[in-house]
Amino acid sequence: MILPITFDARNFMTSSDRFPEDPNRPVTGGSGNTGDPYGSPKAQWPNPADAEQSPVLVFVLGLVTCGIYVLYWYYSRYQTFKAMTGRTPTGNSFALDFLLILVTCSIWHVYMDYRISMQLNDLQKEVGLPENDTTTLTVLLDVAGYLTGYVTGLVSTAIHQDQLNKVLLATPPGRASV
């Protein structure tokens, strides 16, 4: 059986043929940088409604799911931090950090939480909030997690979510993007 082949010239039109651009509009690339079509992507702040979450809910879901929700929370916060600052707290991907947690029997997790606290401190300064350094507290809670079955580690996760909520709510109006 031979299938008929049809030719439609509209499928071969370029986007500029279908949507003529304004010649006065500045050149932009896929990165969003004006004037540099090959530039690196600019960090864009997430919509606060997408990243804001109740710290109590983070704690309860982490407890009820025996920590499985916390893995999702860390993954999604890594995406949030990368969108906000252009980098993750440790500079690694979430997958690499998760592998390091497994290999080091969660010692790397203490370092991750330390770096998250440091990044939150930087973000607080950037949006004009008074610095609320929770670095020492979260590290102590993580270390105590070895004795409490990680319940205190869930508290440090809830503290990070609370700090992130404050940063997102203090974000200047023109800064948030969807």
Foldseek 3Di string as FASTA:
>chain_A
DDDDDDDDCVVVDDPCVVPPDDPVDFDDAPQRDGPDNPDHHDQAAAQLVVQADQLVVLLVVCVVVVNPVVLVNLQVVQVRLCNHHVAGLVRDHSVVLVVVCVVVVNPSVLVNLLSLQVSLQVLCVVLVHPRDRCNVVQSVLCVCCVVVVCSSNSVSVSVSSVSVSVSNVSHPPVRYDD
